[in-house]
Structure formats: structure tokens, C-alpha cells
Amino acid sequence: MKFIELVVTVILKKDIYFADSGYVIGKNINKLMLLDKDLRELHVKKQYKNYVFNSFYPLEKDKLYKKGKAYVFKIRGLDDEFMKKVHKYLKVLDSDDFDVISAAFEEIEQGNIRELYTLTPVIITIDDRPWLQNNDLHLFIDRLESNLEKKYKSFFNESIDIKGKLIENIRFKNKVPMSFNYKNVKLLGNKISIDVKENIEAQKTAFLALAVGIGEKNSAVGAGFCNRK
């Protein structure tokens, strides 16, 4: 298994508040998808999207990304052709928010994963409400695992059972919920770190989480973007 990673360098055309950055990047990826027939058809399909992105870097202490300054963000995806087209259309994207300066293309091969940690908060909803740390942890883990199982089946047309097989330990990195602004709604999530078990199913789904994100709203606001150790 492998995924493609694009490292995108941009110069902002306007100030962008950090809680808005996921929506801003997501809407620009959606905009470039309208430039291609196949990408446009994928965009409107009601299915798991096979990509995820993170937010602008470096972070700003005052939580405001600055007009005229250069920042980097990453887009990851499983499908070679999809990611090649995203790479192509980034170069001609006419964005109101930023100018794309460069986009580096790299293939990332599967390797052993001891720990997954999120760079952007994970969103899990229960009955249309955000899961919070004072809620049932077992329910959070169950939804996290179920989400990855569904993504795996959607992308590979093959079922996988990871209940009790994936997570050795889980830690929360924030004391209060973190938020994304999305279409006049505040989406709440948490940054987490997961110690990954050594079995085959755990390693496959941990790598999938790296490729397409963990939890919900990965392609909408870049939630659940992971790195590994």
C-alpha cells in the first residue's frame, strides 16, 4: 500500500483566521475539482473521499495567517490518477484566497507504525452531536474504528475487522474541544495520539488513516490529519 503526498506552498491574498483555514483549503480543492470532468463527478458523489489535507504552516501565535506571507500545507490521497490531476490543476487554480507557488509530489510507502498522532483535531459525532471528552470513551473508540472499517471497504472493496485490534492506548492532547468553522457551523474535535498494535489489520488501517484521515470531515475541513512514529 502507498499514498501520494503533495506539499503545497502558497502566498495568502488575505488574512485567514486559523479556525477558518480548513474550510478555505477545502473549498479551493473543491474549486479545482470542477476544472476536470472526472474530478467533478467524484466531487458530487456521496461516498468517502479518498484524500485529506492539513492546515497552513507555520502556525501564527495570534492565530491569524497573514496576507502576503508564504505558508505550506499538505494534501494526501490514495489514488494516483486523482492526485496527479489535483497536482496539475493546483498550478492553474484561480483562488480568491491564495496564489499557489509550488506543489511537490511524493509517493509514501507503507511502513511499520508504532504511533499515530493527529496534527488537526479528530471529529466524531454521536447522534449529530460532537463527542466530548466527558462522554463515553468506548463509544468514541468504537466510532473511530467503525469509520476506518467503512473507509477500508469503500476504497479496497474488502471488509476488515479491527475492533479491539487497532488501539493499544489512546491519549488526548487538548483539555478543551478545538474547533473548525464550516458553513456558519462550529465543528468540535480533539487532537489524539494512538499507540498502534502490531497485527496486520492494525497496520493496514493505521496506514489508511495516514492516507485519508481519521474520523469525520477529512476532505471538508482537513480534520483528522495524522502523522506517524
Protein backbone atom coordinates (compact mmCIF):
# COMPACT_ATOMS: atom_id res chain seq x y z
CA MET A 1 0.00 0.00 0.00
CA LYS A 2 1.11 3.56 -0.70
CA PHE A 3 -0.30 7.05 -0.87
CA ILE A 4 0.61 10.28 -2.62
CA GLU A 5 1.54 13.43 -0.70
CA LEU A 6 1.51 16.91 -2.22
CA VAL A 7 3.40 19.63 -0.35
CA VAL A 8 1.78 22.88 -1.46
CA THR A 9 3.35 26.32 -0.96
CA VAL A 10 1.05 29.32 -1.20
CA ILE A 11 1.08 33.08 -0.60
CA LEU A 12 -2.10 34.36 1.02
CA LYS A 13 -4.16 37.08 -0.65
CA LYS A 14 -5.96 37.89 2.61
CA ASP A 15 -5.67 37.33 6.36
CA ILE A 16 -7.21 33.98 7.37
CA TYR A 17 -8.18 33.07 10.92
CA PHE A 18 -6.84 29.65 11.93
CA ALA A 19 -10.30 28.18 12.62
CA ASP A 20 -11.32 29.12 9.05
CA SER A 21 -8.23 27.69 7.36
CA GLY A 22 -9.58 24.15 6.92
CA TYR A 23 -12.72 25.38 5.19
CA VAL A 24 -10.68 27.76 3.00
CA ILE A 25 -8.30 25.00 1.82
CA GLY A 26 -11.18 22.54 1.36
CA LYS A 27 -13.26 24.90 -0.78
CA ASN A 28 -10.24 25.60 -3.02
CA ILE A 29 -9.65 21.86 -3.55
CA ASN A 30 -13.36 21.59 -4.44
CA LYS A 31 -12.94 24.50 -6.87
CA LEU A 32 -10.04 22.88 -8.71
CA MET A 33 -12.02 19.62 -8.96
CA LEU A 34 -14.59 21.49 -11.08
CA LEU A 35 -11.89 22.05 -13.72
CA ASP A 36 -11.86 18.36 -14.73
CA LYS A 37 -14.75 16.10 -15.80
CA ASP A 38 -13.66 13.06 -13.73
CA LEU A 39 -12.84 15.12 -10.65
CA ARG A 40 -16.15 16.94 -10.97
CA GLU A 41 -18.06 13.63 -11.00
CA LEU A 42 -16.13 12.43 -7.94
CA HIS A 43 -16.82 15.71 -6.14
CA VAL A 44 -20.62 15.27 -6.28
CA LYS A 45 -20.68 11.56 -5.36
CA LYS A 46 -21.99 10.71 -1.91
CA GLN A 47 -19.14 8.49 -0.78
CA TYR A 48 -15.98 8.60 1.33
CA LYS A 49 -13.47 10.90 -0.34
CA ASN A 50 -10.01 9.39 -0.82
CA TYR A 51 -7.99 12.39 0.35
CA VAL A 52 -7.24 14.57 3.37
CA PHE A 53 -5.27 17.76 3.98
CA ASN A 54 -3.84 19.66 6.92
CA SER A 55 -3.70 23.39 7.68
CA PHE A 56 -1.28 26.18 6.88
CA TYR A 57 2.22 26.04 8.38
CA PRO A 58 3.96 27.70 10.14
CA LEU A 59 1.42 28.42 12.84
CA GLU A 60 0.90 32.00 13.97
CA LYS A 61 0.93 32.86 17.68
CA ASP A 62 -2.00 35.24 17.29
CA LYS A 63 -3.94 32.54 15.33
CA LEU A 64 -4.12 34.74 12.21
CA TYR A 65 -2.43 33.67 8.98
CA LYS A 66 -1.13 36.82 7.26
CA LYS A 67 -1.86 38.31 3.84
CA GLY A 68 1.29 38.34 1.67
CA LYS A 69 3.07 35.65 3.69
CA ALA A 70 4.06 32.19 2.42
CA TYR A 71 2.64 29.04 4.05
CA VAL A 72 2.73 25.32 3.35
CA PHE A 73 0.00 22.70 3.59
CA LYS A 74 -0.17 19.03 2.57
CA ILE A 75 -2.75 17.03 0.61
CA ARG A 76 -2.69 13.23 0.76
CA GLY A 77 -4.62 10.70 -1.29
CA LEU A 78 -4.72 7.02 -2.19
CA ASP A 79 -5.46 7.26 -5.91
CA ASP A 80 -2.51 8.06 -8.20
CA GLU A 81 -4.59 9.49 -11.05
CA PHE A 82 -6.70 11.61 -8.73
CA MET A 83 -3.64 13.08 -7.03
CA LYS A 84 -1.86 13.69 -10.35
CA LYS A 85 -4.86 15.69 -11.51
CA VAL A 86 -5.01 17.65 -8.24
CA HIS A 87 -1.29 18.38 -8.72
CA LYS A 88 -1.94 19.54 -12.30
CA TYR A 89 -4.88 21.82 -11.51
CA LEU A 90 -3.28 23.37 -8.43
CA LYS A 91 -0.91 25.09 -10.85
CA VAL A 92 -3.78 26.81 -12.70
CA LEU A 93 -6.16 27.34 -9.77
CA ASP A 94 -7.64 30.85 -9.72
CA SER A 95 -8.19 31.31 -5.99
CA ASP A 96 -9.53 34.34 -4.15
CA ASP A 97 -7.62 33.19 -1.06
CA PHE A 98 -4.06 32.38 -2.15
CA ASP A 99 -1.62 32.02 -5.03
CA VAL A 100 -0.04 28.57 -5.42
CA ILE A 101 3.75 28.92 -5.70
CA SER A 102 4.71 25.25 -5.89
CA ALA A 103 3.39 21.73 -5.31
CA ALA A 104 5.87 18.89 -4.70
CA PHE A 105 4.71 15.32 -5.46
CA GLU A 106 5.90 12.30 -3.45
CA GLU A 107 4.92 8.65 -3.04
CA ILE A 108 4.84 7.37 0.56
CA GLU A 109 5.22 3.61 1.05
CA GLN A 110 3.69 1.65 3.91
CA GLY A 111 5.95 1.06 6.89
CA ASN A 112 5.56 -0.09 10.47
CA ILE A 113 3.58 2.36 12.60
CA ARG A 114 4.04 2.45 16.36
CA GLU A 115 2.09 5.64 16.98
CA LEU A 116 -0.43 7.78 15.11
CA TYR A 117 -0.86 11.37 16.24
CA THR A 118 -3.16 13.97 14.75
CA LEU A 119 -2.00 17.37 13.53
CA THR A 120 -5.59 18.53 13.12
CA PRO A 121 -8.43 17.62 15.51
CA VAL A 122 -10.44 14.42 15.06
CA ILE A 123 -14.18 14.92 14.67
CA ILE A 124 -16.54 12.20 15.90
CA THR A 125 -20.29 12.83 16.13
CA ILE A 126 -22.84 10.86 18.12
CA ASP A 127 -26.50 11.45 17.14
CA ASP A 128 -25.43 14.61 15.26
CA ARG A 129 -23.64 15.99 18.32
CA PRO A 130 -19.84 16.25 18.75
CA TRP A 131 -18.22 13.70 21.05
CA LEU A 132 -16.62 15.48 24.02
CA GLN A 133 -14.06 14.16 26.48
CA ASN A 134 -16.62 13.81 29.27
CA ASN A 135 -18.61 11.40 27.06
CA ASP A 136 -18.17 7.61 26.82
CA LEU A 137 -14.59 6.82 25.66
CA HIS A 138 -15.59 3.32 24.50
CA LEU A 139 -18.18 4.87 22.17
CA PHE A 140 -15.54 7.24 20.76
CA ILE A 141 -13.18 4.33 20.04
CA ASP A 142 -15.99 2.26 18.53
CA ARG A 143 -16.96 5.08 16.14
CA LEU A 144 -13.32 5.69 15.25
CA GLU A 145 -12.77 2.01 14.41
CA SER A 146 -16.09 1.70 12.53
CA ASN A 147 -15.22 4.75 10.44
CA LEU A 148 -11.88 3.23 9.41
CA GLU A 149 -13.50 -0.13 8.63
CA LYS A 150 -16.05 1.58 6.34
CA LYS A 151 -13.34 3.59 4.59
CA TYR A 152 -11.26 0.45 4.06
CA LYS A 153 -14.21 -1.37 2.48
CA SER A 154 -15.10 1.66 0.35
CA PHE A 155 -11.58 2.12 -1.02
CA PHE A 156 -10.45 -1.52 -1.37
CA ASN A 157 -13.80 -3.33 -1.78
CA GLU A 158 -12.76 -5.64 1.05
CA SER A 159 -14.04 -5.96 4.62
CA ILE A 160 -11.71 -5.69 7.60
CA ASP A 161 -12.36 -6.21 11.32
CA ILE A 162 -10.27 -4.04 13.63
CA LYS A 163 -12.47 -3.99 16.73
CA GLY A 164 -10.05 -4.39 19.63
CA LYS A 165 -7.13 -4.93 17.24
CA LEU A 166 -6.02 -1.37 16.45
CA ILE A 167 -5.60 0.70 19.61
CA GLU A 168 -3.15 -0.25 22.35
CA ASN A 169 -3.57 3.10 24.11
CA ILE A 170 -5.13 6.48 23.32
CA ARG A 171 -4.25 9.92 24.70
CA PHE A 172 -5.95 13.27 24.28
CA LYS A 173 -3.68 16.26 23.64
CA ASN A 174 -6.13 19.07 24.45
CA LYS A 175 -8.08 19.90 27.60
CA VAL A 176 -10.95 21.73 25.89
CA PRO A 177 -12.51 20.98 22.48
CA MET A 178 -10.85 22.50 19.41
CA SER A 179 -12.95 23.96 16.62
CA PHE A 180 -13.25 24.36 12.85
CA ASN A 181 -15.53 26.97 11.28
CA TYR A 182 -17.55 25.39 8.48
CA LYS A 183 -20.52 26.97 6.69
CA ASN A 184 -21.58 29.02 9.73
CA VAL A 185 -21.26 25.96 11.99
CA LYS A 186 -18.58 25.33 14.61
CA LEU A 187 -17.27 21.75 14.38
CA LEU A 188 -15.64 20.47 17.56
CA GLY A 189 -12.86 17.89 17.77
CA ASN A 190 -9.85 16.66 19.74
CA LYS A 191 -6.19 16.04 18.99
CA ILE A 192 -5.22 12.49 19.90
CA SER A 193 -2.30 10.11 19.96
CA ILE A 194 -2.81 6.37 19.40
CA ASP A 195 -0.36 3.58 20.21
CA VAL A 196 -0.94 1.13 17.35
CA LYS A 197 -0.89 -2.63 17.79
CA GLU A 198 1.44 -4.80 15.71
CA ASN A 199 -1.09 -7.06 13.94
CA ILE A 200 -1.68 -6.88 10.17
CA GLU A 201 -5.17 -5.35 10.41
CA ALA A 202 -3.97 -2.60 12.73
CA GLN A 203 -1.03 -1.72 10.49
CA LYS A 204 -3.20 -1.63 7.35
CA THR A 205 -5.82 0.65 8.86
CA ALA A 206 -3.24 2.88 10.59
CA PHE A 207 -1.63 3.46 7.20
CA LEU A 208 -5.08 4.14 5.72
CA ALA A 209 -5.62 6.74 8.44
CA LEU A 210 -2.38 8.43 7.34
CA ALA A 211 -3.54 8.45 3.73
CA VAL A 212 -7.12 9.72 4.09
CA GLY A 213 -7.50 10.90 7.68
CA ILE A 214 -9.15 9.53 10.80
CA GLY A 215 -12.69 10.34 11.92
CA GLU A 216 -15.08 12.61 10.01
CA LYS A 217 -14.87 15.73 7.75
CA ASN A 218 -11.39 14.84 6.43
CA SER A 219 -11.97 16.28 2.95
CA ALA A 220 -14.28 19.08 4.11
CA VAL A 221 -12.06 20.86 6.66
CA GLY A 222 -8.95 18.66 6.90
CA ALA A 223 -9.95 17.09 10.20
CA GLY A 224 -8.09 14.02 11.47
CA PHE A 225 -4.86 14.56 9.51
CA CYS A 226 -2.26 12.22 11.05
CA ASN A 227 1.48 11.74 11.27
CA ARG A 228 3.27 8.62 12.47
CA LYS A 229 6.15 7.37 14.53
